[in-house]
């Protein structure tokens, strides 16, 4: 709850889809690349924190936009980013 805006994170927006997509892409890139095995493992392992951080940033951005510009602006940004 923010002073001017209530931010509700629903299950579809929780980031699970982003996490699954990032890990899948990282595994595909690791398998198709000419990287050393250590770099391949690092690529896949880094997909998890990058996905979590990017989704956290996305949710925080919606909160800032909702607080500064109102609920309709936050909802427009959310609908446009989906």
N, C-alpha and C. Protein backbone atom coordinates (compact mmCIF):
# COMPACT_ATOMS: atom_id res chain seq x y z
N UNK A 1 0.84 -1.18 0.00
CA UNK A 1 0.00 0.00 0.00
C UNK A 1 0.88 1.24 0.00
N UNK A 2 0.65 2.09 -0.97
CA UNK A 2 1.35 3.36 -1.06
C UNK A 2 0.35 4.45 -0.70
N UNK A 3 0.83 5.64 -0.37
CA UNK A 3 -0.11 6.69 0.04
C UNK A 3 -1.19 7.02 -1.01
N UNK A 4 -0.83 7.02 -2.28
CA UNK A 4 -1.78 7.40 -3.33
C UNK A 4 -2.21 6.23 -4.22
N UNK A 5 -1.62 5.08 -4.01
CA UNK A 5 -1.85 3.96 -4.94
C UNK A 5 -1.69 2.63 -4.21
N UNK A 6 -2.58 1.70 -4.52
CA UNK A 6 -2.48 0.36 -3.96
C UNK A 6 -1.97 -0.57 -5.06
N UNK A 7 -0.85 -1.17 -4.80
CA UNK A 7 -0.22 -2.06 -5.76
C UNK A 7 -0.58 -3.50 -5.41
N UNK A 8 -1.22 -4.19 -6.34
CA UNK A 8 -1.62 -5.57 -6.14
C UNK A 8 -0.91 -6.43 -7.18
N UNK A 9 -0.09 -7.36 -6.74
CA UNK A 9 0.64 -8.24 -7.65
C UNK A 9 -0.11 -9.56 -7.72
N UNK A 10 -0.75 -9.79 -8.84
CA UNK A 10 -1.51 -11.03 -9.05
C UNK A 10 -0.56 -12.16 -9.44
N UNK A 11 -1.04 -13.36 -9.35
CA UNK A 11 -0.21 -14.53 -9.66
C UNK A 11 0.39 -14.49 -11.07
N UNK A 12 -0.36 -14.12 -12.11
CA UNK A 12 0.26 -14.07 -13.43
C UNK A 12 1.39 -13.04 -13.53
N UNK A 13 1.39 -12.05 -12.68
CA UNK A 13 2.43 -11.01 -12.71
C UNK A 13 3.54 -11.27 -11.70
N UNK A 14 3.53 -12.42 -11.08
CA UNK A 14 4.49 -12.69 -10.01
C UNK A 14 5.91 -12.91 -10.52
N UNK A 15 6.06 -13.19 -11.80
CA UNK A 15 7.39 -13.36 -12.37
C UNK A 15 7.76 -14.79 -12.68
N UNK A 16 6.87 -15.73 -12.40
CA UNK A 16 7.19 -17.13 -12.68
C UNK A 16 7.39 -17.36 -14.17
N UNK A 17 6.55 -16.74 -14.99
CA UNK A 17 6.69 -16.89 -16.44
C UNK A 17 8.01 -16.29 -16.92
N UNK A 18 8.38 -15.14 -16.37
CA UNK A 18 9.67 -14.52 -16.71
C UNK A 18 10.82 -15.42 -16.31
N UNK A 19 10.72 -16.01 -15.14
CA UNK A 19 11.77 -16.90 -14.65
C UNK A 19 11.91 -18.13 -15.55
N UNK A 20 10.79 -18.76 -15.90
CA UNK A 20 10.83 -19.93 -16.76
C UNK A 20 11.38 -19.60 -18.14
N UNK A 21 11.00 -18.45 -18.68
CA UNK A 21 11.49 -18.04 -19.99
C UNK A 21 12.99 -17.75 -19.95
N UNK A 22 13.44 -17.06 -18.92
CA UNK A 22 14.86 -16.73 -18.82
C UNK A 22 15.72 -17.97 -18.66
N UNK A 23 15.29 -18.91 -17.85
CA UNK A 23 16.06 -20.14 -17.65
C UNK A 23 16.06 -20.97 -18.94
N UNK A 24 14.93 -21.04 -19.61
CA UNK A 24 14.86 -21.79 -20.87
C UNK A 24 15.79 -21.19 -21.91
N UNK A 25 15.77 -19.88 -22.06
CA UNK A 25 16.67 -19.22 -23.01
C UNK A 25 18.13 -19.41 -22.62
N UNK A 26 18.42 -19.33 -21.35
CA UNK A 26 19.81 -19.52 -20.90
C UNK A 26 20.29 -20.93 -21.18
N UNK A 27 19.44 -21.92 -20.95
CA UNK A 27 19.82 -23.30 -21.24
C UNK A 27 20.05 -23.48 -22.74
N UNK A 28 19.15 -22.93 -23.55
CA UNK A 28 19.31 -23.04 -25.00
C UNK A 28 20.60 -22.37 -25.47
N UNK A 29 20.87 -21.18 -24.96
CA UNK A 29 22.11 -20.49 -25.32
C UNK A 29 23.34 -21.26 -24.85
N UNK A 30 23.25 -21.82 -23.67
CA UNK A 30 24.39 -22.58 -23.15
C UNK A 30 24.65 -23.82 -24.00
N UNK A 31 23.60 -24.47 -24.43
CA UNK A 31 23.77 -25.68 -25.24
C UNK A 31 24.27 -25.36 -26.66
N UNK A 32 23.87 -24.22 -27.19
CA UNK A 32 24.22 -23.87 -28.57
C UNK A 32 25.52 -23.08 -28.69
N UNK A 33 26.08 -22.65 -27.57
CA UNK A 33 27.26 -21.80 -27.62
C UNK A 33 28.55 -22.61 -27.56
N UNK A 34 29.63 -21.93 -27.85
CA UNK A 34 30.96 -22.53 -27.76
C UNK A 34 31.66 -22.13 -26.46
N UNK A 35 30.89 -21.83 -25.46
CA UNK A 35 31.47 -21.41 -24.18
C UNK A 35 32.07 -22.60 -23.45
N UNK A 36 32.98 -22.27 -22.53
CA UNK A 36 33.53 -23.31 -21.65
C UNK A 36 32.41 -23.81 -20.73
N UNK A 37 32.53 -25.03 -20.24
CA UNK A 37 31.48 -25.58 -19.37
C UNK A 37 31.18 -24.72 -18.15
N UNK A 38 32.20 -24.11 -17.55
CA UNK A 38 31.97 -23.25 -16.38
C UNK A 38 31.13 -22.03 -16.77
N UNK A 39 31.41 -21.47 -17.94
CA UNK A 39 30.65 -20.31 -18.40
C UNK A 39 29.20 -20.69 -18.72
N UNK A 40 29.02 -21.90 -19.22
CA UNK A 40 27.65 -22.36 -19.51
C UNK A 40 26.83 -22.50 -18.23
N UNK A 41 27.43 -23.07 -17.21
CA UNK A 41 26.75 -23.21 -15.92
C UNK A 41 26.47 -21.84 -15.33
N UNK A 42 27.44 -20.94 -15.43
CA UNK A 42 27.25 -19.57 -14.90
C UNK A 42 26.11 -18.87 -15.63
N UNK A 43 26.02 -19.05 -16.94
CA UNK A 43 24.95 -18.43 -17.73
C UNK A 43 23.59 -18.90 -17.24
N UNK A 44 23.44 -20.18 -17.04
CA UNK A 44 22.15 -20.72 -16.58
C UNK A 44 21.86 -20.27 -15.15
N UNK A 45 22.87 -20.29 -14.29
CA UNK A 45 22.66 -19.88 -12.90
C UNK A 45 22.33 -18.40 -12.77
N UNK A 46 22.91 -17.57 -13.62
CA UNK A 46 22.64 -16.14 -13.56
C UNK A 46 21.27 -15.77 -14.11
N UNK A 47 20.65 -16.68 -14.84
CA UNK A 47 19.32 -16.40 -15.37
C UNK A 47 18.30 -16.19 -14.25
N UNK A 48 18.46 -16.91 -13.14
CA UNK A 48 17.50 -16.80 -12.04
C UNK A 48 17.54 -15.43 -11.38
N UNK A 49 18.70 -14.94 -10.89
CA UNK A 49 18.69 -13.62 -10.27
C UNK A 49 18.35 -12.48 -11.25
N UNK A 50 18.76 -12.62 -12.51
CA UNK A 50 18.44 -11.58 -13.49
C UNK A 50 16.92 -11.52 -13.70
N UNK A 51 16.27 -12.66 -13.81
CA UNK A 51 14.81 -12.68 -13.98
C UNK A 51 14.10 -12.11 -12.76
N UNK A 52 14.57 -12.46 -11.57
CA UNK A 52 13.95 -11.94 -10.34
C UNK A 52 14.15 -10.44 -10.20
N UNK A 53 15.35 -9.97 -10.51
CA UNK A 53 15.62 -8.53 -10.41
C UNK A 53 14.84 -7.74 -11.45
N UNK A 54 14.75 -8.26 -12.66
CA UNK A 54 14.02 -7.53 -13.69
C UNK A 54 12.53 -7.46 -13.37
N UNK A 55 11.96 -8.54 -12.84
CA UNK A 55 10.55 -8.49 -12.48
C UNK A 55 10.31 -7.59 -11.27
N UNK A 56 11.25 -7.59 -10.32
CA UNK A 56 11.13 -6.68 -9.17
C UNK A 56 11.18 -5.23 -9.62
N UNK A 57 12.07 -4.94 -10.57
CA UNK A 57 12.15 -3.58 -11.11
C UNK A 57 10.85 -3.21 -11.81
N UNK A 58 10.29 -4.14 -12.56
CA UNK A 58 9.04 -3.90 -13.28
C UNK A 58 7.90 -3.59 -12.30
N UNK A 59 7.80 -4.36 -11.25
CA UNK A 59 6.74 -4.14 -10.25
C UNK A 59 6.96 -2.81 -9.53
N UNK A 60 8.20 -2.52 -9.17
CA UNK A 60 8.49 -1.24 -8.52
C UNK A 60 8.16 -0.07 -9.43
N UNK A 61 8.44 -0.22 -10.72
CA UNK A 61 8.13 0.85 -11.67
C UNK A 61 6.63 1.11 -11.73
N UNK A 62 5.83 0.05 -11.70
CA UNK A 62 4.38 0.24 -11.68
C UNK A 62 3.95 0.98 -10.42
N UNK A 63 4.58 0.67 -9.30
CA UNK A 63 4.25 1.37 -8.06
C UNK A 63 4.61 2.85 -8.12
N UNK A 64 5.77 3.16 -8.66
CA UNK A 64 6.20 4.57 -8.78
C UNK A 64 5.28 5.32 -9.74
N UNK A 65 4.98 4.72 -10.88
CA UNK A 65 4.09 5.36 -11.85
C UNK A 65 2.70 5.55 -11.24
N UNK A 66 2.19 4.55 -10.55
CA UNK A 66 0.88 4.67 -9.91
C UNK A 66 0.86 5.73 -8.84
N UNK A 67 1.94 5.83 -8.07
CA UNK A 67 2.02 6.83 -7.01
C UNK A 67 2.14 8.24 -7.58
N UNK A 68 2.93 8.41 -8.61
CA UNK A 68 3.20 9.75 -9.16
C UNK A 68 2.13 10.22 -10.13
N UNK A 69 1.61 9.30 -10.95
CA UNK A 69 0.72 9.71 -12.04
C UNK A 69 -0.69 9.14 -11.94
N UNK A 70 -0.94 8.30 -10.96
CA UNK A 70 -2.27 7.77 -10.76
C UNK A 70 -2.44 6.35 -11.26
N UNK A 71 -3.54 5.75 -10.83
CA UNK A 71 -3.81 4.34 -11.13
C UNK A 71 -4.00 4.11 -12.62
N UNK A 72 -4.61 5.04 -13.33
CA UNK A 72 -4.86 4.81 -14.76
C UNK A 72 -3.55 4.76 -15.54
N UNK A 73 -2.57 5.57 -15.15
CA UNK A 73 -1.26 5.53 -15.83
C UNK A 73 -0.56 4.21 -15.56
N UNK A 74 -0.62 3.73 -14.32
CA UNK A 74 0.00 2.46 -13.97
C UNK A 74 -0.67 1.30 -14.70
N UNK A 75 -1.98 1.33 -14.80
CA UNK A 75 -2.70 0.27 -15.50
C UNK A 75 -2.41 0.31 -17.00
N UNK A 76 -2.29 1.51 -17.57
CA UNK A 76 -1.94 1.62 -18.99
C UNK A 76 -0.54 1.07 -19.25
N UNK A 77 0.41 1.39 -18.37
CA UNK A 77 1.76 0.87 -18.52
C UNK A 77 1.76 -0.66 -18.37
N UNK A 78 1.02 -1.16 -17.40
CA UNK A 78 0.94 -2.61 -17.19
C UNK A 78 0.37 -3.31 -18.41
N UNK A 79 -0.74 -2.78 -18.93
CA UNK A 79 -1.40 -3.41 -20.09
C UNK A 79 -0.50 -3.34 -21.32
N UNK A 80 0.24 -2.25 -21.46
CA UNK A 80 1.13 -2.10 -22.61
C UNK A 80 2.37 -2.95 -22.51
N UNK A 81 2.79 -3.29 -21.31
CA UNK A 81 4.02 -4.08 -21.14
C UNK A 81 3.75 -5.57 -21.20
N UNK A 82 2.51 -5.97 -21.13
CA UNK A 82 2.19 -7.39 -21.13
C UNK A 82 2.40 -8.01 -22.46
